[in-house]
Amino acid sequence: ALVAVGCSNDDDGDSAGGGGDGSITLWTVYDTADRIATMQPVLE
């Protein structure tokens, strides 16, 4: 269910929100495509 969003201009928080259903949201300032890709296996 992991979604990587490139958001240099995304400040509306639409993908955010508390968990409670077995899922949570993490916002990161390491937002470039390569850094998101590096983070994916860590979270998996």
All heavy atoms as atom14 arrays in JSON, in Angstrom:
{
  "sequence": "ALVAVGCSNDDDGDSAGGGGDGSITLWTVYDTADRIATMQPVLE",
  "atom14_mask": [
    [1, 1, 1, 1, 1, 0, 0, 0, 0, 0, 0, 0, 0, 0],
    [1, 1, 1, 1, 1, 1, 1, 1, 0, 0, 0, 0, 0, 0],
    [1, 1, 1, 1, 1, 1, 1, 0, 0, 0, 0, 0, 0, 0],
    [1, 1, 1, 1, 1, 0, 0, 0, 0, 0, 0, 0, 0, 0],
    [1, 1, 1, 1, 1, 1, 1, 0, 0, 0, 0, 0, 0, 0],
    [1, 1, 1, 1, 0, 0, 0, 0, 0, 0, 0, 0, 0, 0],
    [1, 1, 1, 1, 1, 1, 0, 0, 0, 0, 0, 0, 0, 0],
    [1, 1, 1, 1, 1, 1, 0, 0, 0, 0, 0, 0, 0, 0],
    [1, 1, 1, 1, 1, 1, 1, 1, 0, 0, 0, 0, 0, 0],
    [1, 1, 1, 1, 1, 1, 1, 1, 0, 0, 0, 0, 0, 0],
    [1, 1, 1, 1, 1, 1, 1, 1, 0, 0, 0, 0, 0, 0],
    [1, 1, 1, 1, 1, 1, 1, 1, 0, 0, 0, 0, 0, 0],
    [1, 1, 1, 1, 0, 0, 0, 0, 0, 0, 0, 0, 0, 0],
    [1, 1, 1, 1, 1, 1, 1, 1, 0, 0, 0, 0, 0, 0],
    [1, 1, 1, 1, 1, 1, 0, 0, 0, 0, 0, 0, 0, 0],
    [1, 1, 1, 1, 1, 0, 0, 0, 0, 0, 0, 0, 0, 0],
    [1, 1, 1, 1, 0, 0, 0, 0, 0, 0, 0, 0, 0, 0],
    [1, 1, 1, 1, 0, 0, 0, 0, 0, 0, 0, 0, 0, 0],
    [1, 1, 1, 1, 0, 0, 0, 0, 0, 0, 0, 0, 0, 0],
    [1, 1, 1, 1, 0, 0, 0, 0, 0, 0, 0, 0, 0, 0],
    [1, 1, 1, 1, 1, 1, 1, 1, 0, 0, 0, 0, 0, 0],
    [1, 1, 1, 1, 0, 0, 0, 0, 0, 0, 0, 0, 0, 0],
    [1, 1, 1, 1, 1, 1, 0, 0, 0, 0, 0, 0, 0, 0],
    [1, 1, 1, 1, 1, 1, 1, 1, 0, 0, 0, 0, 0, 0],
    [1, 1, 1, 1, 1, 1, 1, 0, 0, 0, 0, 0, 0, 0],
    [1, 1, 1, 1, 1, 1, 1, 1, 0, 0, 0, 0, 0, 0],
    [1, 1, 1, 1, 1, 1, 1, 1, 1, 1, 1, 1, 1, 1],
    [1, 1, 1, 1, 1, 1, 1, 0, 0, 0, 0, 0, 0, 0],
    [1, 1, 1, 1, 1, 1, 1, 0, 0, 0, 0, 0, 0, 0],
    [1, 1, 1, 1, 1, 1, 1, 1, 1, 1, 1, 1, 0, 0],
    [1, 1, 1, 1, 1, 1, 1, 1, 0, 0, 0, 0, 0, 0],
    [1, 1, 1, 1, 1, 1, 1, 0, 0, 0, 0, 0, 0, 0],
    [1, 1, 1, 1, 1, 0, 0, 0, 0, 0, 0, 0, 0, 0],
    [1, 1, 1, 1, 1, 1, 1, 1, 0, 0, 0, 0, 0, 0],
    [1, 1, 1, 1, 1, 1, 1, 1, 1, 1, 1, 0, 0, 0],
    [1, 1, 1, 1, 1, 1, 1, 1, 0, 0, 0, 0, 0, 0],
    [1, 1, 1, 1, 1, 0, 0, 0, 0, 0, 0, 0, 0, 0],
    [1, 1, 1, 1, 1, 1, 1, 0, 0, 0, 0, 0, 0, 0],
    [1, 1, 1, 1, 1, 1, 1, 1, 0, 0, 0, 0, 0, 0],
    [1, 1, 1, 1, 1, 1, 1, 1, 1, 0, 0, 0, 0, 0],
    [1, 1, 1, 1, 1, 1, 1, 0, 0, 0, 0, 0, 0, 0],
    [1, 1, 1, 1, 1, 1, 1, 0, 0, 0, 0, 0, 0, 0],
    [1, 1, 1, 1, 1, 1, 1, 1, 0, 0, 0, 0, 0, 0],
    [1, 1, 1, 1, 1, 1, 1, 1, 1, 0, 0, 0, 0, 0]
  ],
  "atom14_positions": [
    [[0.81, -1.22, 0.0], [0.0, 0.0, 0.0], [0.83, 1.26, 0.0], [0.3, 2.36, -0.05], [-0.91, 0.02, 1.22], [0.0, 0.0, 0.0], [0.0, 0.0, 0.0], [0.0, 0.0, 0.0], [0.0, 0.0, 0.0], [0.0, 0.0, 0.0], [0.0, 0.0, 0.0], [0.0, 0.0, 0.0], [0.0, 0.0, 0.0], [0.0, 0.0, 0.0]],
    [[2.17, 1.15, 0.04], [3.04, 2.32, 0.09], [2.86, 3.18, -1.14], [2.86, 2.71, -2.25], [4.5, 1.87, 0.19], [5.54, 2.97, 0.13], [5.51, 3.77, 1.42], [6.91, 2.38, -0.08], [0.0, 0.0, 0.0], [0.0, 0.0, 0.0], [0.0, 0.0, 0.0], [0.0, 0.0, 0.0], [0.0, 0.0, 0.0], [0.0, 0.0, 0.0]],
    [[2.71, 4.49, -0.93], [2.59, 5.43, -2.03], [3.7, 6.45, -1.9], [3.83, 7.09, -0.88], [1.22, 6.16, -2.01], [1.13, 7.17, -3.13], [0.1, 5.14, -2.13], [0.0, 0.0, 0.0], [0.0, 0.0, 0.0], [0.0, 0.0, 0.0], [0.0, 0.0, 0.0], [0.0, 0.0, 0.0], [0.0, 0.0, 0.0], [0.0, 0.0, 0.0]],
    [[4.51, 6.61, -2.95], [5.56, 7.62, -2.94], [5.09, 8.8, -3.76], [4.84, 8.67, -4.95], [6.84, 7.05, -3.53], [0.0, 0.0, 0.0], [0.0, 0.0, 0.0], [0.0, 0.0, 0.0], [0.0, 0.0, 0.0], [0.0, 0.0, 0.0], [0.0, 0.0, 0.0], [0.0, 0.0, 0.0], [0.0, 0.0, 0.0], [0.0, 0.0, 0.0]],
    [[4.95, 9.93, -3.13], [4.42, 11.11, -3.81], [5.51, 12.14, -3.96], [6.08, 12.6, -2.99], [3.25, 11.72, -2.99], [2.68, 12.92, -3.71], [2.18, 10.67, -2.75], [0.0, 0.0, 0.0], [0.0, 0.0, 0.0], [0.0, 0.0, 0.0], [0.0, 0.0, 0.0], [0.0, 0.0, 0.0], [0.0, 0.0, 0.0], [0.0, 0.0, 0.0]],
    [[5.84, 12.56, -5.21], [6.79, 13.64, -5.39], [6.08, 14.93, -5.15], [5.25, 15.31, -5.92], [0.0, 0.0, 0.0], [0.0, 0.0, 0.0], [0.0, 0.0, 0.0], [0.0, 0.0, 0.0], [0.0, 0.0, 0.0], [0.0, 0.0, 0.0], [0.0, 0.0, 0.0], [0.0, 0.0, 0.0], [0.0, 0.0, 0.0], [0.0, 0.0, 0.0]],
    [[6.36, 15.6, -4.08], [5.59, 16.74, -3.65], [6.32, 18.03, -3.44], [6.04, 18.69, -2.49], [4.91, 16.53, -2.37], [4.4, 15.21, -1.68], [0.0, 0.0, 0.0], [0.0, 0.0, 0.0], [0.0, 0.0, 0.0], [0.0, 0.0, 0.0], [0.0, 0.0, 0.0], [0.0, 0.0, 0.0], [0.0, 0.0, 0.0], [0.0, 0.0, 0.0]],
    [[7.2, 18.4, -4.33], [7.81, 19.69, -4.09], [6.77, 20.8, -4.05], [6.96, 21.79, -3.43], [8.78, 20.07, -5.14], [9.17, 19.12, -5.95], [0.0, 0.0, 0.0], [0.0, 0.0, 0.0], [0.0, 0.0, 0.0], [0.0, 0.0, 0.0], [0.0, 0.0, 0.0], [0.0, 0.0, 0.0], [0.0, 0.0, 0.0], [0.0, 0.0, 0.0]],
    [[5.67, 20.62, -4.77], [4.64, 21.64, -4.75], [3.36, 21.13, -4.11], [2.33, 21.75, -4.19], [4.32, 22.11, -6.18], [5.51, 22.76, -6.82], [6.11, 23.63, -6.22], [5.86, 22.35, -8.02], [0.0, 0.0, 0.0], [0.0, 0.0, 0.0], [0.0, 0.0, 0.0], [0.0, 0.0, 0.0], [0.0, 0.0, 0.0], [0.0, 0.0, 0.0]],
    [[3.4, 19.93, -3.5], [2.2, 19.35, -2.9], [2.15, 19.72, -1.44], [2.79, 19.13, -0.62], [2.26, 17.83, -3.06], [1.09, 17.14, -2.41], [0.17, 17.85, -2.01], [1.11, 15.91, -2.31], [0.0, 0.0, 0.0], [0.0, 0.0, 0.0], [0.0, 0.0, 0.0], [0.0, 0.0, 0.0], [0.0, 0.0, 0.0], [0.0, 0.0, 0.0]],
    [[1.35, 20.75, -1.13], [1.27, 21.16, 0.27], [-0.16, 21.11, 0.78], [-0.5, 21.75, 1.74], [1.86, 22.55, 0.47], [1.16, 23.62, -0.33], [0.17, 23.31, -1.01], [1.59, 24.76, -0.27], [0.0, 0.0, 0.0], [0.0, 0.0, 0.0], [0.0, 0.0, 0.0], [0.0, 0.0, 0.0], [0.0, 0.0, 0.0], [0.0, 0.0, 0.0]],
    [[-1.02, 20.3, 0.1], [-2.4, 20.28, 0.56], [-2.67, 19.17, 1.56], [-3.74, 19.11, 2.14], [-3.35, 20.16, -0.64], [-3.1, 18.92, -1.47], [-2.33, 18.04, -1.04], [-3.68, 18.84, -2.55], [0.0, 0.0, 0.0], [0.0, 0.0, 0.0], [0.0, 0.0, 0.0], [0.0, 0.0, 0.0], [0.0, 0.0, 0.0], [0.0, 0.0, 0.0]],
    [[-1.7, 18.26, 1.75], [-1.84, 17.23, 2.76], [-2.91, 16.2, 2.44], [-3.34, 15.47, 3.32], [0.0, 0.0, 0.0], [0.0, 0.0, 0.0], [0.0, 0.0, 0.0], [0.0, 0.0, 0.0], [0.0, 0.0, 0.0], [0.0, 0.0, 0.0], [0.0, 0.0, 0.0], [0.0, 0.0, 0.0], [0.0, 0.0, 0.0], [0.0, 0.0, 0.0]],
    [[-3.33, 16.08, 1.16], [-4.4, 15.16, 0.83], [-4.07, 13.71, 1.14], [-4.96, 12.93, 1.41], [-4.76, 15.27, -0.66], [-5.51, 16.54, -0.98], [-6.01, 17.17, -0.03], [-5.61, 16.9, -2.14], [0.0, 0.0, 0.0], [0.0, 0.0, 0.0], [0.0, 0.0, 0.0], [0.0, 0.0, 0.0], [0.0, 0.0, 0.0], [0.0, 0.0, 0.0]],
    [[-2.79, 13.35, 1.09], [-2.42, 11.97, 1.32], [-2.13, 11.68, 2.78], [-1.76, 10.59, 3.14], [-1.19, 11.61, 0.49], [-1.48, 11.73, -0.87], [0.0, 0.0, 0.0], [0.0, 0.0, 0.0], [0.0, 0.0, 0.0], [0.0, 0.0, 0.0], [0.0, 0.0, 0.0], [0.0, 0.0, 0.0], [0.0, 0.0, 0.0], [0.0, 0.0, 0.0]],
    [[-2.26, 12.7, 3.62], [-1.92, 12.52, 5.03], [-3.1, 11.97, 5.8], [-4.15, 11.72, 5.28], [-1.46, 13.84, 5.62], [0.0, 0.0, 0.0], [0.0, 0.0, 0.0], [0.0, 0.0, 0.0], [0.0, 0.0, 0.0], [0.0, 0.0, 0.0], [0.0, 0.0, 0.0], [0.0, 0.0, 0.0], [0.0, 0.0, 0.0], [0.0, 0.0, 0.0]],
    [[-2.88, 11.85, 7.11], [-3.98, 11.44, 7.97], [-3.56, 10.36, 8.93], [-2.73, 9.54, 8.61], [0.0, 0.0, 0.0], [0.0, 0.0, 0.0], [0.0, 0.0, 0.0], [0.0, 0.0, 0.0], [0.0, 0.0, 0.0], [0.0, 0.0, 0.0], [0.0, 0.0, 0.0], [0.0, 0.0, 0.0], [0.0, 0.0, 0.0], [0.0, 0.0, 0.0]],
    [[-4.13, 10.38, 10.12], [-3.8, 9.39, 11.12], [-4.2, 8.0, 10.7], [-5.05, 7.8, 9.83], [0.0, 0.0, 0.0], [0.0, 0.0, 0.0], [0.0, 0.0, 0.0], [0.0, 0.0, 0.0], [0.0, 0.0, 0.0], [0.0, 0.0, 0.0], [0.0, 0.0, 0.0], [0.0, 0.0, 0.0], [0.0, 0.0, 0.0], [0.0, 0.0, 0.0]],
    [[-3.59, 7.02, 11.34], [-3.86, 5.63, 11.0], [-5.08, 5.13, 11.74], [-6.13, 5.73, 11.73], [0.0, 0.0, 0.0], [0.0, 0.0, 0.0], [0.0, 0.0, 0.0], [0.0, 0.0, 0.0], [0.0, 0.0, 0.0], [0.0, 0.0, 0.0], [0.0, 0.0, 0.0], [0.0, 0.0, 0.0], [0.0, 0.0, 0.0], [0.0, 0.0, 0.0]],
    [[-4.93, 3.98, 12.44], [-6.07, 3.42, 13.13], [-6.62, 2.22, 12.4], [-7.43, 1.48, 12.93], [0.0, 0.0, 0.0], [0.0, 0.0, 0.0], [0.0, 0.0, 0.0], [0.0, 0.0, 0.0], [0.0, 0.0, 0.0], [0.0, 0.0, 0.0], [0.0, 0.0, 0.0], [0.0, 0.0, 0.0], [0.0, 0.0, 0.0], [0.0, 0.0, 0.0]],
    [[-6.22, 2.01, 11.13], [-6.72, 0.89, 10.35], [-5.56, -0.01, 9.92], [-5.63, -0.7, 8.92], [-7.48, 1.39, 9.12], [-6.64, 2.3, 8.25], [-5.49, 2.59, 8.63], [-7.13, 2.69, 7.17], [0.0, 0.0, 0.0], [0.0, 0.0, 0.0], [0.0, 0.0, 0.0], [0.0, 0.0, 0.0], [0.0, 0.0, 0.0], [0.0, 0.0, 0.0]],
    [[-4.47, 0.01, 10.73], [-3.31, -0.8, 10.36], [-2.4, -0.11, 9.39], [-1.48, -0.73, 8.86], [0.0, 0.0, 0.0], [0.0, 0.0, 0.0], [0.0, 0.0, 0.0], [0.0, 0.0, 0.0], [0.0, 0.0, 0.0], [0.0, 0.0, 0.0], [0.0, 0.0, 0.0], [0.0, 0.0, 0.0], [0.0, 0.0, 0.0], [0.0, 0.0, 0.0]],
    [[-2.62, 1.17, 9.14], [-1.74, 1.92, 8.25], [-1.5, 3.31, 8.82], [-2.35, 3.86, 9.52], [-2.34, 2.04, 6.85], [-3.52, 2.82, 6.88], [0.0, 0.0, 0.0], [0.0, 0.0, 0.0], [0.0, 0.0, 0.0], [0.0, 0.0, 0.0], [0.0, 0.0, 0.0], [0.0, 0.0, 0.0], [0.0, 0.0, 0.0], [0.0, 0.0, 0.0]],
    [[-0.33, 3.83, 8.56], [0.03, 5.18, 8.99], [0.71, 5.92, 7.85], [1.1, 5.31, 6.85], [0.95, 5.17, 10.23], [2.24, 4.39, 9.95], [0.22, 4.61, 11.44], [3.25, 4.43, 11.09], [0.0, 0.0, 0.0], [0.0, 0.0, 0.0], [0.0, 0.0, 0.0], [0.0, 0.0, 0.0], [0.0, 0.0, 0.0], [0.0, 0.0, 0.0]],
    [[0.86, 7.23, 8.01], [1.46, 8.08, 6.99], [2.73, 8.72, 7.52], [2.76, 9.22, 8.64], [0.48, 9.19, 6.55], [-0.72, 8.57, 6.09], [1.07, 10.04, 5.44], [0.0, 0.0, 0.0], [0.0, 0.0, 0.0], [0.0, 0.0, 0.0], [0.0, 0.0, 0.0], [0.0, 0.0, 0.0], [0.0, 0.0, 0.0], [0.0, 0.0, 0.0]],
    [[3.77, 8.68, 6.7], [5.05, 9.29, 7.03], [5.37, 10.35, 6.0], [5.42, 10.07, 4.8], [6.15, 8.22, 7.03], [7.61, 8.7, 7.11], [7.89, 9.39, 8.44], [8.57, 7.53, 6.89], [0.0, 0.0, 0.0], [0.0, 0.0, 0.0], [0.0, 0.0, 0.0], [0.0, 0.0, 0.0], [0.0, 0.0, 0.0], [0.0, 0.0, 0.0]],
    [[5.57, 11.58, 6.45], [6.03, 12.65, 5.57], [7.55, 12.79, 5.73], [8.07, 12.78, 6.85], [5.39, 13.98, 5.95], [4.0, 14.17, 5.43], [3.16, 13.22, 4.92], [3.28, 15.4, 5.4], [1.97, 13.77, 4.57], [2.01, 15.12, 4.84], [3.57, 16.71, 5.77], [1.03, 16.11, 4.65], [2.61, 17.7, 5.59], [1.36, 17.4, 5.03]],
    [[8.25, 12.95, 4.62], [9.7, 13.09, 4.67], [10.18, 14.23, 3.79], [9.65, 14.44, 2.69], [10.41, 11.79, 4.24], [11.83, 11.99, 4.26], [9.97, 11.35, 2.85], [0.0, 0.0, 0.0], [0.0, 0.0, 0.0], [0.0, 0.0, 0.0], [0.0, 0.0, 0.0], [0.0, 0.0, 0.0], [0.0, 0.0, 0.0], [0.0, 0.0, 0.0]],
    [[11.19, 14.93, 4.27], [11.8, 16.0, 3.46], [12.8, 15.43, 2.46], [13.28, 16.16, 1.59], [12.5, 17.05, 4.35], [11.48, 17.86, 5.13], [13.53, 16.4, 5.28], [0.0, 0.0, 0.0], [0.0, 0.0, 0.0], [0.0, 0.0, 0.0], [0.0, 0.0, 0.0], [0.0, 0.0, 0.0], [0.0, 0.0, 0.0], [0.0, 0.0, 0.0]],
    [[13.11, 14.15, 2.55], [13.98, 13.5, 1.55], [13.09, 13.06, 0.41], [12.71, 11.9, 0.28], [14.74, 12.35, 2.19], [15.65, 12.81, 3.31], [15.32, 12.56, 4.65], [16.81, 13.53, 3.03], [16.14, 13.03, 5.67], [17.63, 14.0, 4.05], [17.28, 13.74, 5.36], [18.09, 14.2, 6.38], [0.0, 0.0, 0.0], [0.0, 0.0, 0.0]],
    [[12.74, 14.03, -0.45], [11.6, 13.86, -1.35], [11.96, 13.57, -2.8], [11.07, 13.41, -3.63], [10.71, 15.11, -1.29], [11.4, 16.35, -1.85], [12.62, 16.48, -1.66], [10.71, 17.2, -2.46], [0.0, 0.0, 0.0], [0.0, 0.0, 0.0], [0.0, 0.0, 0.0], [0.0, 0.0, 0.0], [0.0, 0.0, 0.0], [0.0, 0.0, 0.0]],
    [[13.25, 13.52, -3.15], [13.59, 13.24, -4.54], [13.33, 11.76, -4.85], [13.26, 10.92, -3.95], [15.07, 13.57, -4.82], [15.89, 12.78, -3.95], [15.35, 15.05, -4.58], [0.0, 0.0, 0.0], [0.0, 0.0, 0.0], [0.0, 0.0, 0.0], [0.0, 0.0, 0.0], [0.0, 0.0, 0.0], [0.0, 0.0, 0.0], [0.0, 0.0, 0.0]],
    [[13.22, 11.45, -6.14], [12.84, 10.1, -6.55], [13.82, 9.05, -6.04], [13.41, 7.97, -5.58], [12.73, 10.03, -8.08], [0.0, 0.0, 0.0], [0.0, 0.0, 0.0], [0.0, 0.0, 0.0], [0.0, 0.0, 0.0], [0.0, 0.0, 0.0], [0.0, 0.0, 0.0], [0.0, 0.0, 0.0], [0.0, 0.0, 0.0], [0.0, 0.0, 0.0]],
    [[15.12, 9.34, -6.11], [16.09, 8.35, -5.67], [16.02, 8.13, -4.16], [16.2, 7.0, -3.67], [17.51, 8.75, -6.1], [17.94, 10.08, -5.51], [17.11, 11.0, -5.43], [19.13, 10.21, -5.14], [0.0, 0.0, 0.0], [0.0, 0.0, 0.0], [0.0, 0.0, 0.0], [0.0, 0.0, 0.0], [0.0, 0.0, 0.0], [0.0, 0.0, 0.0]],
    [[15.75, 9.19, -3.4], [15.68, 9.06, -1.95], [14.4, 8.33, -1.52], [14.42, 7.54, -0.57], [15.79, 10.44, -1.29], [17.18, 11.04, -1.46], [17.25, 12.48, -1.02], [18.63, 12.98, -1.11], [18.98, 14.23, -0.89], [18.08, 15.12, -0.53], [20.25, 14.59, -1.0], [0.0, 0.0, 0.0], [0.0, 0.0, 0.0], [0.0, 0.0, 0.0]],
    [[13.3, 8.6, -2.22], [12.07, 7.86, -1.96], [12.3, 6.37, -2.25], [11.89, 5.5, -1.47], [10.92, 8.4, -2.83], [10.51, 9.82, -2.37], [9.73, 7.45, -2.81], [9.78, 9.87, -1.04], [0.0, 0.0, 0.0], [0.0, 0.0, 0.0], [0.0, 0.0, 0.0], [0.0, 0.0, 0.0], [0.0, 0.0, 0.0], [0.0, 0.0, 0.0]],
    [[12.99, 6.09, -3.36], [13.25, 4.7, -3.73], [14.12, 4.0, -2.7], [13.94, 2.81, -2.42], [13.9, 4.64, -5.1], [0.0, 0.0, 0.0], [0.0, 0.0, 0.0], [0.0, 0.0, 0.0], [0.0, 0.0, 0.0], [0.0, 0.0, 0.0], [0.0, 0.0, 0.0], [0.0, 0.0, 0.0], [0.0, 0.0, 0.0], [0.0, 0.0, 0.0]],
    [[15.08, 4.71, -2.12], [15.94, 4.14, -1.09], [15.16, 3.84, 0.18], [15.43, 2.86, 0.88], [17.11, 5.1, -0.77], [17.85, 5.33, -1.96], [18.03, 4.53, 0.29], [0.0, 0.0, 0.0], [0.0, 0.0, 0.0], [0.0, 0.0, 0.0], [0.0, 0.0, 0.0], [0.0, 0.0, 0.0], [0.0, 0.0, 0.0], [0.0, 0.0, 0.0]],
    [[14.16, 4.67, 0.47], [13.38, 4.49, 1.7], [12.37, 3.35, 1.58], [11.98, 2.75, 2.6], [12.66, 5.8, 2.02], [12.0, 5.87, 3.38], [13.21, 5.8, 4.73], [12.13, 5.89, 6.16], [0.0, 0.0, 0.0], [0.0, 0.0, 0.0], [0.0, 0.0, 0.0], [0.0, 0.0, 0.0], [0.0, 0.0, 0.0], [0.0, 0.0, 0.0]],
    [[11.93, 3.0, 0.37], [10.88, 2.01, 0.19], [11.21, 0.64, 0.81], [10.4, 0.11, 1.59], [10.56, 1.85, -1.3], [9.74, 3.02, -1.83], [9.51, 2.93, -3.32], [10.14, 2.12, -4.01], [8.63, 3.76, -3.81], [0.0, 0.0, 0.0], [0.0, 0.0, 0.0], [0.0, 0.0, 0.0], [0.0, 0.0, 0.0], [0.0, 0.0, 0.0]],
    [[12.38, 0.05, 0.53], [12.66, -1.26, 1.14], [12.78, -1.21, 2.66], [12.5, -2.2, 3.34], [13.97, -1.69, 0.48], [14.56, -0.46, -0.09], [13.41, 0.44, -0.45], [0.0, 0.0, 0.0], [0.0, 0.0, 0.0], [0.0, 0.0, 0.0], [0.0, 0.0, 0.0], [0.0, 0.0, 0.0], [0.0, 0.0, 0.0], [0.0, 0.0, 0.0]],
    [[13.22, -0.06, 3.19], [13.3, 0.09, 4.65], [11.91, -0.04, 5.26], [11.7, -0.76, 6.25], [13.93, 1.46, 5.01], [13.94, 1.65, 6.52], [15.33, 1.58, 4.44], [0.0, 0.0, 0.0], [0.0, 0.0, 0.0], [0.0, 0.0, 0.0], [0.0, 0.0, 0.0], [0.0, 0.0, 0.0], [0.0, 0.0, 0.0], [0.0, 0.0, 0.0]],
    [[10.94, 0.63, 4.66], [9.58, 0.59, 5.17], [8.89, -0.75, 4.86], [8.04, -1.21, 5.64], [8.77, 1.74, 4.58], [9.25, 3.14, 5.0], [8.39, 4.22, 4.37], [9.27, 3.29, 6.52], [0.0, 0.0, 0.0], [0.0, 0.0, 0.0], [0.0, 0.0, 0.0], [0.0, 0.0, 0.0], [0.0, 0.0, 0.0], [0.0, 0.0, 0.0]],
    [[9.25, -1.38, 3.76], [8.7, -2.7, 3.45], [9.09, -3.72, 4.53], [8.27, -4.54, 4.96], [9.17, -3.15, 2.08], [8.5, -2.4, 0.94], [9.16, -2.66, -0.4], [10.18, -3.39, -0.44], [8.66, -2.12, -1.4], [0.0, 0.0, 0.0], [0.0, 0.0, 0.0], [0.0, 0.0, 0.0], [0.0, 0.0, 0.0], [0.0, 0.0, 0.0]]
  ]
}
